């Protein structure tokens, strides 16, 4: 199994494309709630870790499983007045893209 660093390195070209077409992104480790890579400002990255990558994803995943125990959360989109957060939780990490 690949480490998170290897996964990030292997997908460098995809990450570059995401960075060009968005306001930025953060790859958050699910194991230690740390940003493994981010193109966002530090305060925004910390806010994403504190409010989105942990509690929001956990609550959304729980809601999906409560509705159907065989189902799982694969993607979450949160639109605000200023931003749109595109959230893709995986086993090892959560990718959050800011549009």
PDB file of N, CA and C in Angstrom:
ATOM      1  N   UNK A   1       0.842  -1.187   0.000  1.00  0.00           N
ATOM      2  CA  UNK A   1       0.000   0.000   0.000  1.00  0.00           C
ATOM      3  C   UNK A   1       0.890   1.254   0.000  1.00  0.00           C
ATOM      4  N   UNK A   2       0.496   2.239  -0.769  1.00  0.00           N
ATOM      5  CA  UNK A   2       1.263   3.468  -0.894  1.00  0.00           C
ATOM      6  C   UNK A   2       1.052   4.366   0.317  1.00  0.00           C
ATOM      7  N   UNK A   3       2.096   5.104   0.652  1.00  0.00           N
ATOM      8  CA  UNK A   3       1.945   6.102   1.700  1.00  0.00           C
ATOM      9  C   UNK A   3       1.260   7.326   1.100  1.00  0.00           C
ATOM     10  N   UNK A   4       0.756   8.176   1.947  1.00  0.00           N
ATOM     11  CA  UNK A   4       0.078   9.382   1.487  1.00  0.00           C
ATOM     12  C   UNK A   4       1.029  10.270   0.687  1.00  0.00           C
ATOM     13  N   UNK A   5       2.277  10.358   1.104  1.00  0.00           N
ATOM     14  CA  UNK A   5       3.266  11.155   0.370  1.00  0.00           C
ATOM     15  C   UNK A   5       3.469  10.616  -1.041  1.00  0.00           C
ATOM     16  N   UNK A   6       3.496   9.287  -1.181  1.00  0.00           N
ATOM     17  CA  UNK A   6       3.650   8.680  -2.505  1.00  0.00           C
ATOM     18  C   UNK A   6       2.435   8.951  -3.380  1.00  0.00           C
ATOM     19  N   UNK A   7       1.255   8.898  -2.796  1.00  0.00           N
ATOM     20  CA  UNK A   7       0.020   9.179  -3.533  1.00  0.00           C
ATOM     21  C   UNK A   7       0.032  10.618  -4.028  1.00  0.00           C
ATOM     22  N   UNK A   8       0.413  11.545  -3.166  1.00  0.00           N
ATOM     23  CA  UNK A   8       0.476  12.960  -3.548  1.00  0.00           C
ATOM     24  C   UNK A   8       1.486  13.150  -4.677  1.00  0.00           C
ATOM     25  N   UNK A   9       2.664  12.550  -4.547  1.00  0.00           N
ATOM     26  CA  UNK A   9       3.699  12.688  -5.573  1.00  0.00           C
ATOM     27  C   UNK A   9       3.250  12.090  -6.906  1.00  0.00           C
ATOM     28  N   UNK A  10       2.615  10.925  -6.857  1.00  0.00           N
ATOM     29  CA  UNK A  10       2.163  10.244  -8.072  1.00  0.00           C
ATOM     30  C   UNK A  10       1.106  11.065  -8.817  1.00  0.00           C
ATOM     31  N   UNK A  11       0.336  11.875  -8.095  1.00  0.00           N
ATOM     32  CA  UNK A  11      -0.743  12.665  -8.690  1.00  0.00           C
ATOM     33  C   UNK A  11      -0.388  14.145  -8.815  1.00  0.00           C
ATOM     34  N   UNK A  12       0.897  14.440  -8.907  1.00  0.00           N
ATOM     35  CA  UNK A  12       1.373  15.824  -8.962  1.00  0.00           C
ATOM     36  C   UNK A  12       0.769  16.595 -10.141  1.00  0.00           C
ATOM     37  N   UNK A  13       0.688  15.985 -11.314  1.00  0.00           N
ATOM     38  CA  UNK A  13       0.157  16.701 -12.485  1.00  0.00           C
ATOM     39  C   UNK A  13      -1.324  17.021 -12.301  1.00  0.00           C
ATOM     40  N   UNK A  14      -2.062  16.108 -11.697  1.00  0.00           N
ATOM     41  CA  UNK A  14      -3.477  16.368 -11.412  1.00  0.00           C
ATOM     42  C   UNK A  14      -3.611  17.486 -10.389  1.00  0.00           C
ATOM     43  N   UNK A  15      -2.760  17.475  -9.381  1.00  0.00           N
ATOM     44  CA  UNK A  15      -2.776  18.523  -8.359  1.00  0.00           C
ATOM     45  C   UNK A  15      -2.488  19.889  -8.974  1.00  0.00           C
ATOM     46  N   UNK A  16      -1.542  19.926  -9.900  1.00  0.00           N
ATOM     47  CA  UNK A  16      -1.209  21.185 -10.567  1.00  0.00           C
ATOM     48  C   UNK A  16      -2.401  21.708 -11.366  1.00  0.00           C
ATOM     49  N   UNK A  17      -3.105  20.818 -12.049  1.00  0.00           N
ATOM     50  CA  UNK A  17      -4.284  21.213 -12.820  1.00  0.00           C
ATOM     51  C   UNK A  17      -5.387  21.748 -11.904  1.00  0.00           C
ATOM     52  N   UNK A  18      -5.591  21.095 -10.778  1.00  0.00           N
ATOM     53  CA  UNK A  18      -6.591  21.553  -9.807  1.00  0.00           C
ATOM     54  C   UNK A  18      -6.222  22.944  -9.306  1.00  0.00           C
ATOM     55  N   UNK A  19      -4.959  23.151  -8.993  1.00  0.00           N
ATOM     56  CA  UNK A  19      -4.510  24.453  -8.480  1.00  0.00           C
ATOM     57  C   UNK A  19      -4.716  25.557  -9.510  1.00  0.00           C
ATOM     58  N   UNK A  20      -4.504  25.246 -10.776  1.00  0.00           N
ATOM     59  CA  UNK A  20      -4.682  26.245 -11.838  1.00  0.00           C
ATOM     60  C   UNK A  20      -6.145  26.626 -12.041  1.00  0.00           C
ATOM     61  N   UNK A  21      -7.053  25.676 -11.829  1.00  0.00           N
ATOM     62  CA  UNK A  21      -8.460  25.884 -12.140  1.00  0.00           C
ATOM     63  C   UNK A  21      -9.323  26.186 -10.915  1.00  0.00           C
ATOM     64  N   UNK A  22      -8.703  26.405  -9.790  1.00  0.00           N
ATOM     65  CA  UNK A  22      -9.452  26.679  -8.560  1.00  0.00           C
ATOM     66  C   UNK A  22      -8.729  27.765  -7.760  1.00  0.00           C
ATOM     67  N   UNK A  23      -9.316  28.107  -6.625  1.00  0.00           N
ATOM     68  CA  UNK A  23      -8.647  29.060  -5.727  1.00  0.00           C
ATOM     69  C   UNK A  23      -7.595  28.371  -4.875  1.00  0.00           C
ATOM     70  N   UNK A  24      -7.618  27.053  -4.867  1.00  0.00           N
ATOM     71  CA  UNK A  24      -6.633  26.295  -4.115  1.00  0.00           C
ATOM     72  C   UNK A  24      -7.214  24.997  -3.603  1.00  0.00           C
ATOM     73  N   UNK A  25      -6.364  24.223  -2.955  1.00  0.00           N
ATOM     74  CA  UNK A  25      -6.808  22.941  -2.421  1.00  0.00           C
ATOM     75  C   UNK A  25      -5.955  22.561  -1.217  1.00  0.00           C
ATOM     76  N   UNK A  26      -6.472  21.587  -0.467  1.00  0.00           N
ATOM     77  CA  UNK A  26      -5.730  21.032   0.659  1.00  0.00           C
ATOM     78  C   UNK A  26      -5.942  19.525   0.691  1.00  0.00           C
ATOM     79  N   UNK A  27      -4.874  18.798   0.936  1.00  0.00           N
ATOM     80  CA  UNK A  27      -4.946  17.355   1.136  1.00  0.00           C
ATOM     81  C   UNK A  27      -4.708  17.131   2.618  1.00  0.00           C
ATOM     82  N   UNK A  28      -5.733  16.629   3.296  1.00  0.00           N
ATOM     83  CA  UNK A  28      -5.688  16.461   4.747  1.00  0.00           C
ATOM     84  C   UNK A  28      -5.567  14.975   5.087  1.00  0.00           C
ATOM     85  N   UNK A  29      -4.598  14.625   5.903  1.00  0.00           N
ATOM     86  CA  UNK A  29      -4.454  13.243   6.365  1.00  0.00           C
ATOM     87  C   UNK A  29      -5.596  12.907   7.315  1.00  0.00           C
ATOM     88  N   UNK A  30      -6.267  11.785   7.081  1.00  0.00           N
ATOM     89  CA  UNK A  30      -7.351  11.357   7.962  1.00  0.00           C
ATOM     90  C   UNK A  30      -6.827  10.756   9.268  1.00  0.00           C
ATOM     91  N   UNK A  31      -5.564  10.366   9.284  1.00  0.00           N
ATOM     92  CA  UNK A  31      -5.004   9.712  10.466  1.00  0.00           C
ATOM     93  C   UNK A  31      -4.545  10.694  11.543  1.00  0.00           C
ATOM     94  N   UNK A  32      -4.014  11.845  11.117  1.00  0.00           N
ATOM     95  CA  UNK A  32      -3.505  12.781  12.118  1.00  0.00           C
ATOM     96  C   UNK A  32      -4.047  14.202  11.936  1.00  0.00           C
ATOM     97  N   UNK A  33      -5.032  14.371  11.051  1.00  0.00           N
ATOM     98  CA  UNK A  33      -5.673  15.678  10.825  1.00  0.00           C
ATOM     99  C   UNK A  33      -4.656  16.786  10.552  1.00  0.00           C
ATOM    100  N   UNK A  34      -3.702  16.481   9.674  1.00  0.00           N
ATOM    101  CA  UNK A  34      -2.693  17.462   9.281  1.00  0.00           C
ATOM    102  C   UNK A  34      -2.755  17.663   7.778  1.00  0.00           C
ATOM    103  N   UNK A  35      -2.458  18.883   7.342  1.00  0.00           N
ATOM    104  CA  UNK A  35      -2.390  19.163   5.912  1.00  0.00           C
ATOM    105  C   UNK A  35      -1.101  18.569   5.359  1.00  0.00           C
ATOM    106  N   UNK A  36      -1.235  17.650   4.440  1.00  0.00           N
ATOM    107  CA  UNK A  36      -0.065  17.045   3.817  1.00  0.00           C
ATOM    108  C   UNK A  36       0.412  17.901   2.637  1.00  0.00           C
ATOM    109  N   UNK A  37      -0.537  18.612   2.017  1.00  0.00           N
ATOM    110  CA  UNK A  37      -0.201  19.553   0.948  1.00  0.00           C
ATOM    111  C   UNK A  37      -1.338  20.553   0.871  1.00  0.00           C
ATOM    112  N   UNK A  38      -0.993  21.813   0.687  1.00  0.00           N
ATOM    113  CA  UNK A  38      -2.013  22.841   0.567  1.00  0.00           C
ATOM    114  C   UNK A  38      -1.479  24.011  -0.244  1.00  0.00           C
ATOM    115  N   UNK A  39      -2.349  24.557  -1.094  1.00  0.00           N
ATOM    116  CA  UNK A  39      -2.005  25.763  -1.836  1.00  0.00           C
ATOM    117  C   UNK A  39      -2.770  26.959  -1.268  1.00  0.00           C
ATOM    118  N   UNK A  40      -3.459  26.746  -0.173  1.00  0.00           N
ATOM    119  CA  UNK A  40      -4.257  27.792   0.472  1.00  0.00           C
ATOM    120  C   UNK A  40      -3.449  28.476   1.573  1.00  0.00           C
ATOM    121  N   UNK A  41      -3.930  29.635   2.018  1.00  0.00           N
ATOM    122  CA  UNK A  41      -3.301  30.302   3.155  1.00  0.00           C
ATOM    123  C   UNK A  41      -3.410  29.413   4.391  1.00  0.00           C
ATOM    124  N   UNK A  42      -2.464  29.574   5.297  1.00  0.00           N
ATOM    125  CA  UNK A  42      -2.411  28.732   6.489  1.00  0.00           C
ATOM    126  C   UNK A  42      -3.697  28.803   7.305  1.00  0.00           C
ATOM    127  N   UNK A  43      -4.259  30.001   7.481  1.00  0.00           N
ATOM    128  CA  UNK A  43      -5.478  30.137   8.292  1.00  0.00           C
ATOM    129  C   UNK A  43      -6.661  29.428   7.636  1.00  0.00           C
ATOM    130  N   UNK A  44      -6.762  29.481   6.303  1.00  0.00           N
ATOM    131  CA  UNK A  44      -7.837  28.786   5.599  1.00  0.00           C
ATOM    132  C   UNK A  44      -7.648  27.275   5.722  1.00  0.00           C
ATOM    133  N   UNK A  45      -6.412  26.814   5.570  1.00  0.00           N
ATOM    134  CA  UNK A  45      -6.122  25.383   5.700  1.00  0.00           C
ATOM    135  C   UNK A  45      -6.484  24.887   7.101  1.00  0.00           C
ATOM    136  N   UNK A  46      -6.127  25.645   8.125  1.00  0.00           N
ATOM    137  CA  UNK A  46      -6.451  25.257   9.502  1.00  0.00           C
ATOM    138  C   UNK A  46      -7.953  25.222   9.733  1.00  0.00           C
ATOM    139  N   UNK A  47      -8.681  26.182   9.156  1.00  0.00           N
ATOM    140  CA  UNK A  47     -10.133  26.190   9.268  1.00  0.00           C
ATOM    141  C   UNK A  47     -10.763  24.988   8.594  1.00  0.00           C
ATOM    142  N   UNK A  48     -10.222  24.608   7.439  1.00  0.00           N
ATOM    143  CA  UNK A  48     -10.723  23.426   6.734  1.00  0.00           C
ATOM    144  C   UNK A  48     -10.497  22.174   7.571  1.00  0.00           C
ATOM    145  N   UNK A  49      -9.314  22.067   8.168  1.00  0.00           N
ATOM    146  CA  UNK A  49      -9.032  20.908   9.024  1.00  0.00           C
ATOM    147  C   UNK A  49      -9.991  20.877  10.210  1.00  0.00           C
ATOM    148  N   UNK A  50     -10.168  22.021  10.859  1.00  0.00           N
ATOM    149  CA  UNK A  50     -10.971  22.095  12.079  1.00  0.00           C
ATOM    150  C   UNK A  50     -12.462  21.893  11.833  1.00  0.00           C
ATOM    151  N   UNK A  51     -12.981  22.449  10.727  1.00  0.00           N
ATOM    152  CA  UNK A  51     -14.433  22.462  10.542  1.00  0.00           C
ATOM    153  C   UNK A  51     -14.958  21.567   9.430  1.00  0.00           C
ATOM    154  N   UNK A  52     -14.165  21.308   8.411  1.00  0.00           N
ATOM    155  CA  UNK A  52     -14.677  20.572   7.259  1.00  0.00           C
ATOM    156  C   UNK A  52     -14.152  19.146   7.199  1.00  0.00           C
ATOM    157  N   UNK A  53     -12.836  18.981   7.145  1.00  0.00           N
ATOM    158  CA  UNK A  53     -12.249  17.656   6.941  1.00  0.00           C
ATOM    159  C   UNK A  53     -12.568  16.691   8.079  1.00  0.00           C
ATOM    160  N   UNK A  54     -12.839  17.209   9.252  1.00  0.00           N
ATOM    161  CA  UNK A  54     -13.173  16.342  10.382  1.00  0.00           C
ATOM    162  C   UNK A  54     -14.660  16.275  10.637  1.00  0.00           C
ATOM    163  N   UNK A  55     -15.209  17.250  11.362  1.00  0.00           N
ATOM    164  CA  UNK A  55     -16.599  17.163  11.820  1.00  0.00           C
ATOM    165  C   UNK A  55     -17.649  17.126  10.708  1.00  0.00           C
ATOM    166  N   UNK A  56     -17.508  17.949   9.683  1.00  0.00           N
ATOM    167  CA  UNK A  56     -18.521  17.986   8.632  1.00  0.00           C
ATOM    168  C   UNK A  56     -18.547  16.683   7.839  1.00  0.00           C
ATOM    169  N   UNK A  57     -17.370  16.187   7.476  1.00  0.00           N
ATOM    170  CA  UNK A  57     -17.300  14.924   6.738  1.00  0.00           C
ATOM    171  C   UNK A  57     -17.822  13.783   7.601  1.00  0.00           C
ATOM    172  N   UNK A  58     -17.464  13.771   8.868  1.00  0.00           N
ATOM    173  CA  UNK A  58     -17.933  12.716   9.778  1.00  0.00           C
ATOM    174  C   UNK A  58     -19.460  12.732   9.886  1.00  0.00           C
ATOM    175  N   UNK A  59     -20.036  13.915  10.069  1.00  0.00           N
ATOM    176  CA  UNK A  59     -21.492  14.031  10.189  1.00  0.00           C
ATOM    177  C   UNK A  59     -22.202  13.632   8.906  1.00  0.00           C
ATOM    178  N   UNK A  60     -21.683  14.076   7.771  1.00  0.00           N
ATOM    179  CA  UNK A  60     -22.294  13.727   6.489  1.00  0.00           C
ATOM    180  C   UNK A  60     -22.197  12.226   6.235  1.00  0.00           C
ATOM    181  N   UNK A  61     -21.048  11.640   6.542  1.00  0.00           N
ATOM    182  CA  UNK A  61     -20.877  10.193   6.362  1.00  0.00           C
ATOM    183  C   UNK A  61     -21.835   9.430   7.275  1.00  0.00           C
ATOM    184  N   UNK A  62     -21.994   9.881   8.507  1.00  0.00           N
ATOM    185  CA  UNK A  62     -22.928   9.238   9.439  1.00  0.00           C
ATOM    186  C   UNK A  62     -24.360   9.320   8.934  1.00  0.00           C
ATOM    187  N   UNK A  63     -24.744  10.479   8.397  1.00  0.00           N
ATOM    188  CA  UNK A  63     -26.099  10.648   7.872  1.00  0.00           C
ATOM    189  C   UNK A  63     -26.355   9.694   6.713  1.00  0.00           C
ATOM    190  N   UNK A  64     -25.389   9.571   5.811  1.00  0.00           N
ATOM    191  CA  UNK A  64     -25.539   8.657   4.669  1.00  0.00           C
ATOM    192  C   UNK A  64     -25.674   7.224   5.161  1.00  0.00           C
ATOM    193  N   UNK A  65     -24.862   6.825   6.115  1.00  0.00           N
ATOM    194  CA  UNK A  65     -24.906   5.443   6.632  1.00  0.00           C
ATOM    195  C   UNK A  65     -26.170   5.189   7.447  1.00  0.00           C
ATOM    196  N   UNK A  66     -26.687   6.223   8.133  1.00  0.00           N
ATOM    197  CA  UNK A  66     -27.948   6.060   8.860  1.00  0.00           C
ATOM    198  C   UNK A  66     -29.102   5.797   7.903  1.00  0.00           C
ATOM    199  N   UNK A  67     -29.050   6.424   6.734  1.00  0.00           N
ATOM    200  CA  UNK A  67     -30.101   6.219   5.730  1.00  0.00           C
ATOM    201  C   UNK A  67     -29.974   4.860   5.052  1.00  0.00           C
ATOM    202  N   UNK A  68     -28.742   4.407   4.838  1.00  0.00           N
ATOM    203  CA  UNK A  68     -28.484   3.128   4.181  1.00  0.00           C
ATOM    204  C   UNK A  68     -27.136   2.614   4.659  1.00  0.00           C
ATOM    205  N   UNK A  69     -27.150   1.611   5.494  1.00  0.00           N
ATOM    206  CA  UNK A  69     -25.930   1.105   6.122  1.00  0.00           C
ATOM    207  C   UNK A  69     -24.925   0.541   5.118  1.00  0.00           C
ATOM    208  N   UNK A  70     -25.365   0.229   3.911  1.00  0.00           N
ATOM    209  CA  UNK A  70     -24.451  -0.320   2.901  1.00  0.00           C
ATOM    210  C   UNK A  70     -23.832   0.775   2.038  1.00  0.00           C
ATOM    211  N   UNK A  71     -24.205   2.017   2.266  1.00  0.00           N
ATOM    212  CA  UNK A  71     -23.749   3.130   1.450  1.00  0.00           C
ATOM    213  C   UNK A  71     -22.625   3.897   2.160  1.00  0.00           C
ATOM    214  N   UNK A  72     -21.925   4.752   1.421  1.00  0.00           N
ATOM    215  CA  UNK A  72     -20.859   5.564   2.011  1.00  0.00           C
ATOM    216  C   UNK A  72     -20.770   6.895   1.276  1.00  0.00           C
ATOM    217  N   UNK A  73     -20.278   7.896   1.957  1.00  0.00           N
ATOM    218  CA  UNK A  73     -20.090   9.221   1.387  1.00  0.00           C
ATOM    219  C   UNK A  73     -18.890   9.201   0.441  1.00  0.00           C
ATOM    220  N   UNK A  74     -19.073   9.699  -0.784  1.00  0.00           N
ATOM    221  CA  UNK A  74     -17.967   9.749  -1.731  1.00  0.00           C
ATOM    222  C   UNK A  74     -17.608  11.178  -2.124  1.00  0.00           C
ATOM    223  N   UNK A  75     -18.559  12.100  -2.009  1.00  0.00           N
ATOM    224  CA  UNK A  75     -18.298  13.478  -2.424  1.00  0.00           C
ATOM    225  C   UNK A  75     -19.297  14.385  -1.724  1.00  0.00           C
ATOM    226  N   UNK A  76     -18.837  15.572  -1.355  1.00  0.00           N
ATOM    227  CA  UNK A  76     -19.691  16.540  -0.675  1.00  0.00           C
ATOM    228  C   UNK A  76     -19.390  17.922  -1.245  1.00  0.00           C
ATOM    229  N   UNK A  77     -20.437  18.654  -1.568  1.00  0.00           N
ATOM    230  CA  UNK A  77     -20.290  20.003  -2.116  1.00  0.00           C
ATOM    231  C   UNK A  77     -20.991  20.975  -1.179  1.00  0.00           C
ATOM    232  N   UNK A  78     -20.252  21.984  -0.726  1.00  0.00           N
ATOM    233  CA  UNK A  78     -20.807  22.991   0.176  1.00  0.00           C
ATOM    234  C   UNK A  78     -20.622  24.357  -0.487  1.00  0.00           C
ATOM    235  N   UNK A  79     -21.741  25.012  -0.791  1.00  0.00           N
ATOM    236  CA  UNK A  79     -21.690  26.328  -1.431  1.00  0.00           C
ATOM    237  C   UNK A  79     -22.030  27.398  -0.399  1.00  0.00           C
ATOM    238  N   UNK A  80     -21.203  28.433  -0.345  1.00  0.00           N
ATOM    239  CA  UNK A  80     -21.445  29.576   0.526  1.00  0.00           C
ATOM    240  C   UNK A  80     -21.553  30.818  -0.362  1.00  0.00           C
ATOM    241  N   UNK A  81     -21.762  31.968   0.248  1.00  0.00           N
ATOM    242  CA  UNK A  81     -21.834  33.204  -0.535  1.00  0.00           C
ATOM    243  C   UNK A  81     -20.503  33.514  -1.225  1.00  0.00           C
ATOM    244  N   UNK A  82     -19.385  33.180  -0.582  1.00  0.00           N
ATOM    245  CA  UNK A  82     -18.073  33.523  -1.120  1.00  0.00           C
ATOM    246  C   UNK A  82     -17.380  32.369  -1.827  1.00  0.00           C
ATOM    247  N   UNK A  83     -17.584  31.152  -1.368  1.00  0.00           N
ATOM    248  CA  UNK A  83     -16.812  30.010  -1.846  1.00  0.00           C
ATOM    249  C   UNK A  83     -17.717  28.821  -2.137  1.00  0.00           C
ATOM    250  N   UNK A  84     -17.096  27.857  -2.801  1.00  0.00           N
ATOM    251  CA  UNK A  84     -17.694  26.538  -2.948  1.00  0.00           C
ATOM    252  C   UNK A  84     -16.611  25.545  -2.544  1.00  0.00           C
ATOM    253  N   UNK A  85     -16.927  24.696  -1.593  1.00  0.00           N
ATOM    254  CA  UNK A  85     -15.987  23.681  -1.129  1.00  0.00           C
ATOM    255  C   UNK A  85     -16.379  22.356  -1.778  1.00  0.00           C
ATOM    256  N   UNK A  86     -15.436  21.746  -2.476  1.00  0.00           N
ATOM    257  CA  UNK A  86     -15.631  20.439  -3.083  1.00  0.00           C
ATOM    258  C   UNK A  86     -14.812  19.458  -2.248  1.00  0.00           C
ATOM    259  N   UNK A  87     -15.492  18.528  -1.612  1.00  0.00           N
ATOM    260  CA  UNK A  87     -14.858  17.684  -0.598  1.00  0.00           C
ATOM    261  C   UNK A  87     -14.944  16.223  -1.029  1.00  0.00           C
ATOM    262  N   UNK A  88     -13.784  15.581  -1.135  1.00  0.00           N
ATOM    263  CA  UNK A  88     -13.720  14.183  -1.544  1.00  0.00           C
ATOM    264  C   UNK A  88     -12.993  13.374  -0.467  1.00  0.00           C
ATOM    265  N   UNK A  89     -13.747  12.760   0.446  1.00  0.00           N
ATOM    266  CA  UNK A  89     -13.105  11.950   1.489  1.00  0.00           C
ATOM    267  C   UNK A  89     -12.696  10.581   0.946  1.00  0.00           C
ATOM    268  N   UNK A  90     -11.501  10.183   1.241  1.00  0.00           N
ATOM    269  CA  UNK A  90     -10.969   8.867   0.875  1.00  0.00           C
ATOM    270  C   UNK A  90     -10.563   8.152   2.163  1.00  0.00           C
ATOM    271  N   UNK A  91     -10.017   6.945   2.038  1.00  0.00           N
ATOM    272  CA  UNK A  91      -9.602   6.191   3.221  1.00  0.00           C
ATOM    273  C   UNK A  91      -8.441   6.875   3.950  1.00  0.00           C
ATOM    274  N   UNK A  92      -7.410   7.250   3.211  1.00  0.00           N
ATOM    275  CA  UNK A  92      -6.196   7.812   3.797  1.00  0.00           C
ATOM    276  C   UNK A  92      -6.257   9.329   4.009  1.00  0.00           C
ATOM    277  N   UNK A  93      -7.013  10.017   3.158  1.00  0.00           N
ATOM    278  CA  UNK A  93      -6.981  11.473   3.149  1.00  0.00           C
ATOM    279  C   UNK A  93      -8.315  12.043   2.712  1.00  0.00           C
ATOM    280  N   UNK A  94      -8.477  13.346   2.926  1.00  0.00           N
ATOM    281  CA  UNK A  94      -9.621  14.085   2.413  1.00  0.00           C
ATOM    282  C   UNK A  94      -9.074  15.218   1.557  1.00  0.00           C
ATOM    283  N   UNK A  95      -9.584  15.311   0.330  1.00  0.00           N
ATOM    284  CA  UNK A  95      -9.200  16.379  -0.575  1.00  0.00           C
ATOM    285  C   UNK A  95     -10.288  17.438  -0.526  1.00  0.00           C
ATOM    286  N   UNK A  96      -9.897  18.687  -0.273  1.00  0.00           N
ATOM    287  CA  UNK A  96     -10.835  19.807  -0.263  1.00  0.00           C
ATOM    288  C   UNK A  96     -10.346  20.826  -1.281  1.00  0.00           C
ATOM    289  N   UNK A  97     -11.207  21.120  -2.259  1.00  0.00           N
ATOM    290  CA  UNK A  97     -10.890  22.102  -3.290  1.00  0.00           C
ATOM    291  C   UNK A  97     -11.773  23.306  -3.056  1.00  0.00           C
ATOM    292  N   UNK A  98     -11.179  24.469  -3.141  1.00  0.00           N
ATOM    293  CA  UNK A  98     -11.902  25.724  -2.951  1.00  0.00           C
ATOM    294  C   UNK A  98     -12.109  26.387  -4.307  1.00  0.00           C
ATOM    295  N   UNK A  99     -13.387  26.564  -4.687  1.00  0.00           N
ATOM    296  CA  UNK A  99     -13.727  27.193  -5.964  1.00  0.00           C
ATOM    297  C   UNK A  99     -14.060  28.641  -5.731  1.00  0.00           C
TER     298      UNK A  99
END
